[in-house]
Amino acid sequence: MACRSGVCLQNVCREVCPPFDLSVCRIIANFVSVMGNTASDIYYHGPVVALDLDDTLYSEREHAVAAYRAVAAMPDIASPALSPKVVRVMAAALGRRENPFDALEEMLARDCIATLADTAQRVQVYRSCRPRRLTLYPDARNLLDALRGKGVRCAIVTDGRSATQRGKIRALGIEDRFHPGDILISGETGHDKTEPDNFTALVHHYPEASRFIYIGDNPAKDFDMPAMLGWDTYCLRSRPGNIHPQAECANALMVESLTDILDCI
């Protein structure tokens, strides 16, 4: 059970509640959890806008290509002639929605290029890549600026490894746009967007919020859970080069630009 402000909720329940009185335990746990929030969070009455990260705020392809360059710089394949080809082959496979590492190994075998590293090592280099800078979409910047100007609380709910997603947020230069506890990453919380936990965490953080909004781009997993919880959901129509295919979304309103949502907030 989680601890807030140094108070273990499990211990509180054991000391105050009979073992069988689970309803009272939940009330006390929720009370202690809310008390861990600041007063401004508890009494915030405006909307809370939660955002997906990849292909919503920036191009995930940009991050992928930067990581392919890191792979191409590995000593066994780094050369002025081969490295650019490695990046082209992997990026082309991504565009075809094929496995870039399989495409790389096929190219190396076809061209009879002997290498020392295996696919697992290349994947590790890919995952360890931390670009120094990524480009925030212009409409994403405009949305975040406008919401800050209105005093609207914003959050990120994203799936992925902690170090990778944190690195992306730093490279985008947007860490200061969010309360630290409102950046919810599946690799840290143990829950992805097909589960309610990261969404309900925001509801507990802002118990008096007027409404909750989720903005993403992937109908396959972004919207079913927040819609089930009664959130307003908006699906950003796929931009050229997006990694994931996009079908029509039954559980979210389609929008062409992130700034289109400002009229709804």
Protein backbone atom coordinates (compact mmCIF):
# COMPACT_ATOMS: atom_id res chain seq x y z
CA MET A 1 0.00 0.00 0.00
CA ALA A 2 1.23 3.46 -0.83
CA CYS A 3 2.67 5.92 1.68
CA ARG A 4 1.97 9.64 1.59
CA SER A 5 3.87 12.23 3.62
CA GLY A 6 5.69 9.47 5.50
CA VAL A 7 2.43 7.83 6.64
CA CYS A 8 1.93 4.22 5.61
CA LEU A 9 -1.75 3.72 4.78
CA GLN A 10 -1.55 0.02 5.56
CA ASN A 11 -0.33 0.73 9.09
CA VAL A 12 -3.05 3.34 9.60
CA CYS A 13 -5.67 0.79 8.62
CA ARG A 14 -4.23 -1.88 10.90
CA GLU A 15 -4.18 0.41 13.93
CA VAL A 16 -7.55 2.09 13.49
CA CYS A 17 -9.77 -0.44 11.72
CA PRO A 18 -10.84 -3.97 12.54
CA PRO A 19 -9.41 -6.37 9.94
CA PHE A 20 -12.83 -7.02 8.44
CA ASP A 21 -13.96 -3.40 8.08
CA LEU A 22 -12.55 -2.76 4.60
CA SER A 23 -14.91 0.13 3.82
CA VAL A 24 -13.61 2.16 6.79
CA CYS A 25 -10.02 1.32 5.80
CA ARG A 26 -10.63 2.70 2.32
CA ILE A 27 -12.10 5.92 3.70
CA ILE A 28 -9.06 6.47 5.94
CA ALA A 29 -6.64 5.59 3.12
CA ASN A 30 -8.33 8.07 0.77
CA PHE A 31 -8.30 10.75 3.48
CA VAL A 32 -4.57 10.33 4.14
CA SER A 33 -3.87 10.28 0.38
CA VAL A 34 -5.73 13.54 -0.17
CA MET A 35 -3.96 15.12 2.81
CA GLY A 36 -0.70 14.52 0.94
CA ASN A 37 -1.83 16.98 -1.74
CA THR A 38 -1.21 20.68 -1.46
CA ALA A 39 -4.15 22.90 -0.57
CA SER A 40 -4.11 24.35 -4.08
CA ASP A 41 -4.55 20.84 -5.50
CA ILE A 42 -7.35 19.90 -3.13
CA TYR A 43 -9.32 23.07 -3.79
CA TYR A 44 -8.59 23.34 -7.52
CA HIS A 45 -11.98 23.55 -9.24
CA GLY A 46 -10.95 23.89 -12.89
CA PRO A 47 -10.43 21.21 -15.53
CA VAL A 48 -7.47 18.81 -15.57
CA VAL A 49 -6.00 18.11 -19.02
CA ALA A 50 -3.95 14.92 -19.34
CA LEU A 51 -1.90 14.34 -22.47
CA ASP A 52 -0.31 11.41 -24.22
CA LEU A 53 3.36 11.94 -25.15
CA ASP A 54 4.47 10.04 -28.26
CA ASP A 55 3.03 11.32 -31.55
CA THR A 56 0.76 13.67 -29.59
CA LEU A 57 3.21 16.29 -28.29
CA TYR A 58 6.07 15.48 -30.67
CA SER A 59 7.00 13.06 -33.47
CA GLU A 60 7.99 9.67 -32.09
CA ARG A 61 9.78 9.09 -35.40
CA GLU A 62 12.19 11.90 -34.50
CA HIS A 63 13.22 10.03 -31.37
CA ALA A 64 13.45 6.72 -33.24
CA VAL A 65 15.72 8.13 -35.95
CA ALA A 66 18.00 9.66 -33.29
CA ALA A 67 18.24 6.21 -31.70
CA TYR A 68 18.97 4.62 -35.10
CA ARG A 69 21.90 7.02 -35.43
CA ALA A 70 23.18 5.76 -32.08
CA VAL A 71 22.92 2.18 -33.39
CA ALA A 72 24.72 3.20 -36.58
CA ALA A 73 27.56 4.62 -34.47
CA MET A 74 28.30 1.23 -32.85
CA PRO A 75 31.96 0.36 -33.50
CA ASP A 76 31.31 -2.75 -35.59
CA ILE A 77 29.19 -0.89 -38.18
CA ALA A 78 30.35 2.72 -37.84
CA SER A 79 31.80 4.05 -41.08
CA PRO A 80 31.16 7.01 -43.39
CA ALA A 81 29.65 4.69 -45.97
CA LEU A 82 27.74 2.21 -43.82
CA SER A 83 26.32 4.32 -40.98
CA PRO A 84 24.00 6.49 -43.14
CA LYS A 85 22.73 3.32 -44.86
CA VAL A 86 21.96 1.74 -41.48
CA VAL A 87 19.83 4.74 -40.53
CA ARG A 88 18.03 4.73 -43.90
CA VAL A 89 17.28 1.00 -43.75
CA MET A 90 15.93 1.15 -40.19
CA ALA A 91 13.85 4.29 -40.82
CA ALA A 92 12.39 2.77 -43.99
CA ALA A 93 11.36 -0.35 -42.07
CA LEU A 94 9.71 1.82 -39.44
CA GLY A 95 7.77 3.58 -42.21
CA ARG A 96 6.55 0.21 -43.46
CA ARG A 97 5.68 -0.73 -39.86
CA GLU A 98 8.20 -3.57 -39.94
CA ASN A 99 10.86 -4.44 -37.38
CA PRO A 100 13.82 -2.09 -37.99
CA PHE A 101 16.29 -4.47 -36.34
CA ASP A 102 15.22 -7.35 -38.56
CA ALA A 103 15.67 -5.08 -41.57
CA LEU A 104 19.15 -4.12 -40.39
CA GLU A 105 20.26 -7.72 -39.90
CA GLU A 106 18.86 -8.66 -43.32
CA MET A 107 20.79 -5.82 -44.94
CA LEU A 108 24.03 -6.78 -43.18
CA ALA A 109 23.63 -10.42 -44.24
CA ARG A 110 22.70 -9.49 -47.80
CA ASP A 111 25.77 -7.26 -48.13
CA CYS A 112 27.99 -9.90 -46.46
CA ILE A 113 29.00 -7.51 -43.67
CA ALA A 114 30.47 -9.34 -40.67
CA THR A 115 29.66 -7.75 -37.31
CA LEU A 116 30.48 -8.40 -33.67
CA ALA A 117 27.30 -7.13 -31.98
CA ASP A 118 24.03 -9.05 -31.97
CA THR A 119 20.46 -7.73 -32.16
CA ALA A 120 20.03 -7.67 -28.38
CA GLN A 121 23.04 -5.38 -28.04
CA ARG A 122 21.72 -3.06 -30.74
CA VAL A 123 18.33 -2.92 -29.07
CA GLN A 124 20.03 -1.96 -25.80
CA VAL A 125 21.87 0.90 -27.55
CA TYR A 126 18.56 2.00 -29.06
CA ARG A 127 16.82 2.01 -25.68
CA SER A 128 19.70 3.84 -24.02
CA CYS A 129 19.66 6.71 -26.53
CA ARG A 130 18.90 10.07 -24.88
CA PRO A 131 18.57 12.81 -27.54
CA ARG A 132 19.62 16.18 -26.20
CA ARG A 133 16.74 17.88 -27.95
CA LEU A 134 13.39 16.90 -29.46
CA THR A 135 10.97 19.19 -31.25
CA LEU A 136 7.63 19.97 -29.64
CA TYR A 137 4.85 20.21 -32.22
CA PRO A 138 3.87 23.88 -32.73
CA ASP A 139 0.23 23.22 -31.81
CA ALA A 140 1.39 21.33 -28.71
CA ARG A 141 3.41 24.35 -27.61
CA ASN A 142 0.46 26.64 -28.31
CA LEU A 143 -1.86 24.37 -26.32
CA LEU A 144 0.48 24.16 -23.33
CA ASP A 145 1.07 27.92 -23.39
CA ALA A 146 -2.65 28.63 -23.54
CA LEU A 147 -3.47 26.21 -20.72
CA ARG A 148 -0.74 27.71 -18.55
CA GLY A 149 -2.16 31.15 -19.25
CA LYS A 150 -5.58 29.98 -18.11
CA GLY A 151 -4.19 28.32 -14.98
CA VAL A 152 -5.34 24.87 -16.12
CA ARG A 153 -3.60 21.90 -14.48
CA CYS A 154 -1.93 19.57 -17.00
CA ALA A 155 -0.62 16.02 -16.74
CA ILE A 156 1.09 13.40 -18.87
CA VAL A 157 -0.14 9.80 -18.97
CA THR A 158 2.15 7.72 -21.16
CA ASP A 159 3.26 4.13 -21.63
CA GLY A 160 6.92 3.17 -21.84
CA ARG A 161 10.15 2.70 -19.92
CA SER A 162 10.84 5.26 -17.23
CA ALA A 163 14.27 6.38 -18.45
CA THR A 164 13.15 6.58 -22.07
CA GLN A 165 10.00 8.60 -21.42
CA ARG A 166 11.71 10.89 -18.88
CA GLY A 167 14.47 11.49 -21.40
CA LYS A 168 11.93 12.50 -24.03
CA ILE A 169 10.22 14.95 -21.65
CA ARG A 170 13.57 16.53 -20.78
CA ALA A 171 14.59 16.74 -24.45
CA LEU A 172 11.29 18.50 -25.21
CA GLY A 173 11.95 21.02 -22.43
CA ILE A 174 8.52 20.64 -20.85
CA GLU A 175 9.28 19.20 -17.40
CA ASP A 176 8.34 22.47 -15.72
CA ARG A 177 4.88 22.42 -17.29
CA PHE A 178 3.69 19.63 -14.99
CA HIS A 179 3.47 18.92 -11.28
CA PRO A 180 6.05 16.13 -10.67
CA GLY A 181 3.34 13.78 -9.45
CA ASP A 182 1.29 14.40 -12.58
CA ILE A 183 3.76 12.74 -14.94
CA LEU A 184 2.50 9.16 -14.93
CA ILE A 185 4.63 6.62 -16.83
CA SER A 186 3.65 2.97 -17.03
CA GLY A 187 7.25 1.88 -16.41
CA GLU A 188 7.14 3.68 -13.05
CA THR A 189 3.59 3.02 -11.90
CA GLY A 190 3.29 -0.55 -13.17
CA HIS A 191 0.04 0.31 -14.95
CA ASP A 192 -0.55 1.16 -18.59
CA LYS A 193 -3.37 3.05 -20.29
CA THR A 194 -5.56 -0.04 -20.59
CA GLU A 195 -5.87 0.05 -16.78
CA PRO A 196 -7.63 2.70 -14.65
CA ASP A 197 -4.86 3.33 -12.11
CA ASN A 198 -2.97 6.23 -13.71
CA PHE A 199 -6.19 8.02 -14.53
CA THR A 200 -7.72 7.55 -11.09
CA ALA A 201 -4.46 8.80 -9.54
CA LEU A 202 -5.17 12.17 -11.12
CA VAL A 203 -8.74 12.13 -9.87
CA HIS A 204 -7.42 11.58 -6.34
CA HIS A 205 -4.84 14.34 -6.79
CA TYR A 206 -7.51 16.83 -7.85
CA PRO A 207 -10.65 15.74 -5.97
CA GLU A 208 -12.55 18.98 -6.68
CA ALA A 209 -11.67 19.36 -10.37
CA SER A 210 -14.59 20.32 -12.58
CA ARG A 211 -13.78 17.76 -15.29
CA PHE A 212 -11.02 15.53 -16.61
CA ILE A 213 -9.84 15.48 -20.21
CA TYR A 214 -7.52 13.06 -22.00
CA ILE A 215 -5.86 13.83 -25.33
CA GLY A 216 -4.05 11.15 -27.33
CA ASP A 217 -3.63 9.72 -30.81
CA ASN A 218 -3.92 5.92 -30.56
CA PRO A 219 -7.51 4.57 -30.64
CA ALA A 220 -6.20 1.08 -29.90
CA LYS A 221 -5.34 1.89 -26.28
CA ASP A 222 -5.63 5.58 -25.39
CA PHE A 223 -9.31 6.19 -24.83
CA ASP A 224 -11.31 3.18 -23.64
CA MET A 225 -10.34 3.54 -19.98
CA PRO A 226 -10.68 7.33 -19.53
CA ALA A 227 -13.97 7.25 -21.44
CA MET A 228 -15.20 4.47 -19.15
CA LEU A 229 -14.29 6.65 -16.17
CA GLY A 230 -16.39 9.51 -17.53
CA TRP A 231 -13.55 11.66 -18.87
CA ASP A 232 -13.85 13.81 -21.98
CA THR A 233 -11.56 12.28 -24.63
CA TYR A 234 -10.06 13.77 -27.78
CA CYS A 235 -8.16 11.89 -30.46
CA LEU A 236 -5.64 13.86 -32.49
CA ARG A 237 -5.91 12.81 -36.11
CA SER A 238 -2.76 11.06 -37.30
CA ARG A 239 -0.05 13.33 -38.66
CA PRO A 240 2.18 12.32 -41.59
CA GLY A 241 4.87 9.95 -40.34
CA ASN A 242 3.07 8.77 -37.21
CA ILE A 243 4.28 5.36 -36.12
CA HIS A 244 0.98 3.74 -35.15
CA PRO A 245 -1.87 3.20 -37.62
CA GLN A 246 -5.05 5.06 -36.80
CA ALA A 247 -8.62 3.98 -37.39
CA GLU A 248 -11.75 5.90 -36.51
CA CYS A 249 -12.17 6.20 -32.77
CA ALA A 250 -15.44 5.28 -31.11
CA ASN A 251 -14.53 6.60 -27.65
CA ALA A 252 -13.09 10.04 -28.49
CA LEU A 253 -13.87 13.11 -30.54
CA MET A 254 -11.47 13.45 -33.49
CA VAL A 255 -9.63 16.77 -33.81
CA GLU A 256 -7.26 18.00 -36.51
CA SER A 257 -5.06 20.09 -34.22
CA LEU A 258 -4.37 20.26 -30.51
CA THR A 259 -5.40 23.89 -30.48
CA ASP A 260 -8.90 22.86 -31.65
CA ILE A 261 -9.43 21.57 -28.11
CA LEU A 262 -9.04 25.02 -26.56
CA ASP A 263 -12.60 25.91 -27.55
CA CYS A 264 -13.80 22.92 -25.52
CA ILE A 265 -11.97 23.77 -22.30
